[in-house]
C-alpha atoms as a PDB file:
ATOM      1  CA  MET A   1      -0.206   0.052   0.003  1.00  0.00           C
ATOM      2  CA  THR A   2       1.463   3.376  -0.889  1.00  0.00           C
ATOM      3  CA  GLU A   3       0.287   6.916   0.213  1.00  0.00           C
ATOM      4  CA  VAL A   4       0.579   9.970  -1.943  1.00  0.00           C
ATOM      5  CA  LYS A   5       1.386  13.027   0.061  1.00  0.00           C
ATOM      6  CA  ASP A   6       2.673  16.395  -1.461  1.00  0.00           C
ATOM      7  CA  ARG A   7       3.296  14.706  -4.491  1.00  0.00           C
ATOM      8  CA  ARG A   8       5.873  12.293  -3.127  1.00  0.00           C
ATOM      9  CA  GLU A   9       5.454   8.649  -2.698  1.00  0.00           C
ATOM     10  CA  ARG A  10       6.123   7.012   0.437  1.00  0.00           C
ATOM     11  CA  ALA A  11       5.958   3.213   1.216  1.00  0.00           C
ATOM     12  CA  ILE A  12       4.380   2.454   4.585  1.00  0.00           C
ATOM     13  CA  ASP A  13       5.010  -0.936   5.938  1.00  0.00           C
ATOM     14  CA  THR A  14       1.775  -2.905   6.749  1.00  0.00           C
ATOM     15  CA  PRO A  15       1.481  -6.349   8.182  1.00  0.00           C
ATOM     16  CA  GLU A  16       0.844  -7.726   4.796  1.00  0.00           C
ATOM     17  CA  SER A  17       3.929  -6.105   3.414  1.00  0.00           C
ATOM     18  CA  SER A  18       6.271  -6.784   6.339  1.00  0.00           C
ATOM     19  CA  GLY A  19       5.462 -10.104   7.312  1.00  0.00           C
ATOM     20  CA  ARG A  20       4.936  -9.522  10.889  1.00  0.00           C
ATOM     21  CA  LEU A  21       1.925  -8.554  13.142  1.00  0.00           C
ATOM     22  CA  GLY A  22       1.486  -4.928  14.504  1.00  0.00           C
ATOM     23  CA  ARG A  23       1.371  -4.228  18.281  1.00  0.00           C
ATOM     24  CA  SER A  24      -2.265  -3.505  18.420  1.00  0.00           C
ATOM     25  CA  THR A  25      -3.083  -6.544  16.450  1.00  0.00           C
ATOM     26  CA  THR A  26      -0.851  -8.733  18.915  1.00  0.00           C
ATOM     27  CA  PHE A  27      -2.625  -7.182  21.888  1.00  0.00           C
ATOM     28  CA  ARG A  28      -6.031  -7.984  20.152  1.00  0.00           C
ATOM     29  CA  VAL A  29      -5.261 -11.525  19.570  1.00  0.00           C
ATOM     30  CA  LEU A  30      -3.852 -11.872  23.195  1.00  0.00           C
ATOM     31  CA  GLY A  31      -7.097 -10.421  24.624  1.00  0.00           C
ATOM     32  CA  ILE A  32      -9.156 -12.726  22.595  1.00  0.00           C
ATOM     33  CA  LEU A  33      -7.140 -15.586  23.834  1.00  0.00           C
ATOM     34  CA  ILE A  34      -7.489 -14.619  27.639  1.00  0.00           C
ATOM     35  CA  VAL A  35     -11.181 -14.248  27.158  1.00  0.00           C
ATOM     36  CA  VAL A  36     -11.706 -17.752  25.391  1.00  0.00           C
ATOM     37  CA  ILE A  37      -9.468 -19.537  28.000  1.00  0.00           C
ATOM     38  CA  ALA A  38     -11.536 -17.708  30.785  1.00  0.00           C
ATOM     39  CA  ALA A  39     -14.787 -18.978  29.275  1.00  0.00           C
ATOM     40  CA  ILE A  40     -13.610 -22.605  28.746  1.00  0.00           C
ATOM     41  CA  GLY A  41     -12.485 -22.428  32.519  1.00  0.00           C
ATOM     42  CA  LEU A  42     -16.042 -21.018  33.653  1.00  0.00           C
ATOM     43  CA  PHE A  43     -17.618 -23.774  31.411  1.00  0.00           C
ATOM     44  CA  PHE A  44     -15.652 -26.500  33.151  1.00  0.00           C
ATOM     45  CA  LEU A  45     -16.356 -25.048  36.529  1.00  0.00           C
ATOM     46  CA  ALA A  46     -19.939 -24.779  35.870  1.00  0.00           C
ATOM     47  CA  ILE A  47     -20.254 -28.578  34.800  1.00  0.00           C
ATOM     48  CA  ARG A  48     -18.289 -29.686  37.659  1.00  0.00           C
ATOM     49  CA  ASP A  49     -20.400 -27.755  40.125  1.00  0.00           C
ATOM     50  CA  SER A  50     -23.509 -28.859  38.673  1.00  0.00           C
ATOM     51  CA  ASP A  51     -22.439 -32.676  39.306  1.00  0.00           C
ATOM     52  CA  ASP A  52     -21.509 -32.079  42.740  1.00  0.00           C
ATOM     53  CA  GLU A  53     -24.503 -31.285  45.160  1.00  0.00           C
ATOM     54  CA  SER A  54     -22.155 -29.733  48.021  1.00  0.00           C
ATOM     55  CA  PRO A  55     -22.038 -26.028  48.337  1.00  0.00           C
ATOM     56  CA  THR A  56     -19.337 -24.105  47.019  1.00  0.00           C
ATOM     57  CA  GLN A  57     -17.410 -21.309  48.531  1.00  0.00           C
ATOM     58  CA  ALA A  58     -18.810 -18.951  46.083  1.00  0.00           C
ATOM     59  CA  GLU A  59     -21.878 -19.404  47.803  1.00  0.00           C
ATOM     60  CA  GLY A  60     -20.548 -18.458  51.138  1.00  0.00           C
ATOM     61  CA  ALA A  61     -20.908 -21.909  52.773  1.00  0.00           C
ATOM     62  CA  VAL A  62     -18.616 -23.514  55.075  1.00  0.00           C
ATOM     63  CA  VAL A  63     -18.421 -27.382  54.892  1.00  0.00           C
ATOM     64  CA  THR A  64     -16.853 -29.327  57.537  1.00  0.00           C
ATOM     65  CA  THR A  65     -16.388 -33.059  58.341  1.00  0.00           C
ATOM     66  CA  THR A  66     -16.237 -34.505  61.673  1.00  0.00           C
ATOM     67  CA  VAL A  67     -14.767 -38.184  61.970  1.00  0.00           C
ATOM     68  CA  VAL A  68     -15.667 -39.655  65.361  1.00  0.00           C
ATOM     69  CA  ASP A  69     -13.721 -42.872  66.140  1.00  0.00           C
ATOM     70  CA  GLU A  70     -15.415 -43.548  69.329  1.00  0.00           C
ATOM     71  CA  VAL A  71     -18.644 -42.546  70.928  1.00  0.00           C
ATOM     72  CA  GLN A  72     -18.382 -41.379  74.507  1.00  0.00           C
ATOM     73  CA  SER A  73     -21.495 -40.498  76.567  1.00  0.00           C
ATOM     74  CA  PRO A  74     -21.183 -37.420  78.874  1.00  0.00           C
ATOM     75  CA  VAL A  75     -20.634 -37.979  82.278  1.00  0.00           C
ATOM     76  CA  GLU A  76     -23.350 -36.600  84.074  1.00  0.00           C
ATOM     77  CA  VAL A  77     -22.924 -34.922  87.479  1.00  0.00           C
ATOM     78  CA  THR A  78     -25.587 -34.338  89.767  1.00  0.00           C
ATOM     79  CA  PHE A  79     -25.594 -31.068  91.781  1.00  0.00           C
ATOM     80  CA  PRO A  80     -23.869 -31.388  95.108  1.00  0.00           C
ATOM     81  CA  LEU A  81     -25.414 -30.326  98.231  1.00  0.00           C
ATOM     82  CA  GLY A  82     -24.004 -29.869 101.700  1.00  0.00           C
ATOM     83  CA  ARG A  83     -21.749 -27.415 103.338  1.00  0.00           C
ATOM     84  CA  PHE A  84     -18.704 -25.918 101.340  1.00  0.00           C
ATOM     85  CA  GLU A  85     -16.045 -23.456 102.622  1.00  0.00           C
ATOM     86  CA  ASN A  86     -13.934 -20.935 100.520  1.00  0.00           C
ATOM     87  CA  THR A  87     -10.642 -19.625 101.864  1.00  0.00           C
ATOM     88  CA  ASP A  88      -9.500 -17.826  98.697  1.00  0.00           C
ATOM     89  CA  SER A  89     -11.507 -14.601  99.710  1.00  0.00           C
ATOM     90  CA  GLY A  90     -11.416 -15.104 103.474  1.00  0.00           C
ATOM     91  CA  LEU A  91     -13.351 -17.720 105.437  1.00  0.00           C
ATOM     92  CA  ARG A  92     -16.804 -18.005 103.817  1.00  0.00           C
ATOM     93  CA  THR A  93     -19.194 -20.902 104.142  1.00  0.00           C
ATOM     94  CA  MET A  94     -22.292 -21.630 101.757  1.00  0.00           C
ATOM     95  CA  GLU A  95     -25.008 -24.346 102.696  1.00  0.00           C
ATOM     96  CA  LEU A  96     -27.150 -25.913  99.859  1.00  0.00           C
ATOM     97  CA  THR A  97     -29.998 -27.767 101.140  1.00  0.00           C
ATOM     98  CA  GLU A  98     -32.215 -30.487  99.448  1.00  0.00           C
ATOM     99  CA  THR A  99     -35.243 -28.211  99.872  1.00  0.00           C
ATOM    100  CA  GLY A 100     -33.565 -25.569  97.502  1.00  0.00           C
ATOM    101  CA  SER A 101     -32.228 -23.178  99.919  1.00  0.00           C
ATOM    102  CA  TYR A 102     -28.778 -21.466 100.478  1.00  0.00           C
ATOM    103  CA  ILE A 103     -27.349 -19.747 103.340  1.00  0.00           C
ATOM    104  CA  PHE A 104     -23.946 -17.815 102.822  1.00  0.00           C
ATOM    105  CA  ARG A 105     -22.018 -16.743 105.822  1.00  0.00           C
ATOM    106  CA  THR A 106     -19.324 -14.512 106.104  1.00  0.00           C
ATOM    107  CA  ASP A 107     -17.423 -12.722 108.891  1.00  0.00           C
ATOM    108  CA  THR A 108     -19.707  -9.814 108.358  1.00  0.00           C
ATOM    109  CA  GLY A 109     -23.037 -11.602 108.143  1.00  0.00           C
ATOM    110  CA  ARG A 110     -25.315 -13.933 106.585  1.00  0.00           C
ATOM    111  CA  VAL A 111     -27.369 -13.926 103.090  1.00  0.00           C
ATOM    112  CA  SER A 112     -29.949 -16.643 102.593  1.00  0.00           C
ATOM    113  CA  GLY A 113     -32.284 -17.446  99.894  1.00  0.00           C
ATOM    114  CA  ARG A 114     -33.626 -19.813  97.299  1.00  0.00           C
ATOM    115  CA  PHE A 115     -32.001 -21.765  94.655  1.00  0.00           C
ATOM    116  CA  GLU A 116     -32.946 -24.136  91.586  1.00  0.00           C
ATOM    117  CA  VAL A 117     -30.739 -25.960  89.282  1.00  0.00           C
ATOM    118  CA  GLU A 118     -31.531 -26.594  85.650  1.00  0.00           C
ATOM    119  CA  GLY A 119     -28.774 -28.625  83.828  1.00  0.00           C
ATOM    120  CA  ASP A 120     -25.633 -26.841  84.560  1.00  0.00           C
ATOM    121  CA  LEU A 121     -27.372 -23.643  85.376  1.00  0.00           C
ATOM    122  CA  PHE A 122     -27.501 -22.359  89.014  1.00  0.00           C
ATOM    123  CA  LYS A 123     -30.292 -19.987  89.412  1.00  0.00           C
ATOM    124  CA  MET A 124     -30.411 -17.950  92.837  1.00  0.00           C
ATOM    125  CA  ASP A 125     -33.186 -15.819  94.210  1.00  0.00           C
ATOM    126  CA  SER A 126     -32.700 -13.547  97.224  1.00  0.00           C
ATOM    127  CA  ALA A 127     -33.973 -10.464  98.891  1.00  0.00           C
ATOM    128  CA  PHE A 128     -31.783  -8.501  96.513  1.00  0.00           C
ATOM    129  CA  ASP A 129     -31.399  -9.464  92.740  1.00  0.00           C
ATOM    130  CA  PRO A 130     -31.717 -12.912  91.283  1.00  0.00           C
ATOM    131  CA  GLY A 131     -28.544 -14.493  89.614  1.00  0.00           C
ATOM    132  CA  THR A 132     -27.709 -17.238  87.074  1.00  0.00           C
ATOM    133  CA  TYR A 133     -24.468 -18.918  87.151  1.00  0.00           C
ATOM    134  CA  ARG A 134     -22.903 -21.846  85.232  1.00  0.00           C
ATOM    135  CA  TRP A 135     -21.563 -24.502  87.609  1.00  0.00           C
ATOM    136  CA  THR A 136     -18.986 -27.376  87.625  1.00  0.00           C
ATOM    137  CA  PHE A 137     -18.166 -29.899  90.313  1.00  0.00           C
ATOM    138  CA  ASP A 138     -14.942 -31.781  90.082  1.00  0.00           C
ATOM    139  CA  ASP A 139     -12.802 -33.415  92.837  1.00  0.00           C
ATOM    140  CA  GLU A 140     -14.927 -32.160  95.580  1.00  0.00           C
ATOM    141  CA  VAL A 141     -14.536 -28.485  94.513  1.00  0.00           C
ATOM    142  CA  LEU A 142     -17.738 -26.591  93.161  1.00  0.00           C
ATOM    143  CA  LYS A 143     -17.132 -23.535  90.713  1.00  0.00           C
ATOM    144  CA  PHE A 144     -19.577 -21.010  89.467  1.00  0.00           C
ATOM    145  CA  GLN A 145     -19.118 -18.823  86.290  1.00  0.00           C
ATOM    146  CA  VAL A 146     -21.214 -15.633  86.106  1.00  0.00           C
ATOM    147  CA  VAL A 147     -24.024 -15.927  83.411  1.00  0.00           C
ATOM    148  CA  GLU A 148     -26.107 -13.033  84.608  1.00  0.00           C
ATOM    149  CA  ASP A 149     -26.135 -11.121  87.998  1.00  0.00           C
ATOM    150  CA  ALA A 150     -26.556  -7.458  88.929  1.00  0.00           C
ATOM    151  CA  ASN A 151     -25.361  -8.040  92.235  1.00  0.00           C
ATOM    152  CA  ARG A 152     -21.704  -7.329  92.201  1.00  0.00           C
ATOM    153  CA  ASN A 153     -21.116  -8.035  95.716  1.00  0.00           C
ATOM    154  CA  ARG A 154     -22.392 -11.744  95.536  1.00  0.00           C
ATOM    155  CA  TYR A 155     -20.817 -12.513  92.185  1.00  0.00           C
ATOM    156  CA  ALA A 156     -17.417 -10.950  93.471  1.00  0.00           C
ATOM    157  CA  PHE A 157     -17.134 -13.947  95.920  1.00  0.00           C
ATOM    158  CA  ILE A 158     -19.228 -16.857  94.766  1.00  0.00           C
ATOM    159  CA  THR A 159     -16.775 -17.227  91.683  1.00  0.00           C
ATOM    160  CA  TYR A 160     -14.176 -18.382  93.999  1.00  0.00           C
ATOM    161  CA  PRO A 161     -13.695 -22.265  94.203  1.00  0.00           C
ATOM    162  CA  TRP A 162     -15.917 -23.720  96.866  1.00  0.00           C
ATOM    163  CA  VAL A 163     -14.624 -26.778  98.812  1.00  0.00           C
ATOM    164  CA  LEU A 164     -17.105 -29.539 100.074  1.00  0.00           C
ATOM    165  CA  SER A 165     -16.509 -29.831 103.857  1.00  0.00           C
ATOM    166  CA  GLU A 166     -17.036 -32.539 106.121  1.00  0.00           C
ATOM    167  CA  ASN A 167     -19.087 -30.696 108.697  1.00  0.00           C
END
């Protein structure tokens, strides 16, 4: 292809005349190849996911598998009753009776009320505020963890470990 300009002829190389592709043509070909490869990849992903009924990460699901070698039944612990001592916060005693009453004794006084146990929850009701605690009993030690209690004085000392006493 030739171009006439100012009455002078000038030869311009074109892909057909030079035997090589120009830059813009190369980028177009690369772009088309990338799009084709991406489309093929998406096609195969769609086919693979349609055969698999489990959720994919694209759906935001988390799939976990748990293998249990041995089934263990939980050890059921009955709520302990009796007299308990706490020496971590000074000598204090707590008595828990079969009738659902409690008595806390400290060096400054005595507090009593009613309690009930539902599973691992110990629910207290007193002249003050009610309180709910999660309890555990292991090796003659009764421990409470606060679930909900507005009475800070009570949960400040009830969360210390209580040791079952002989008396």
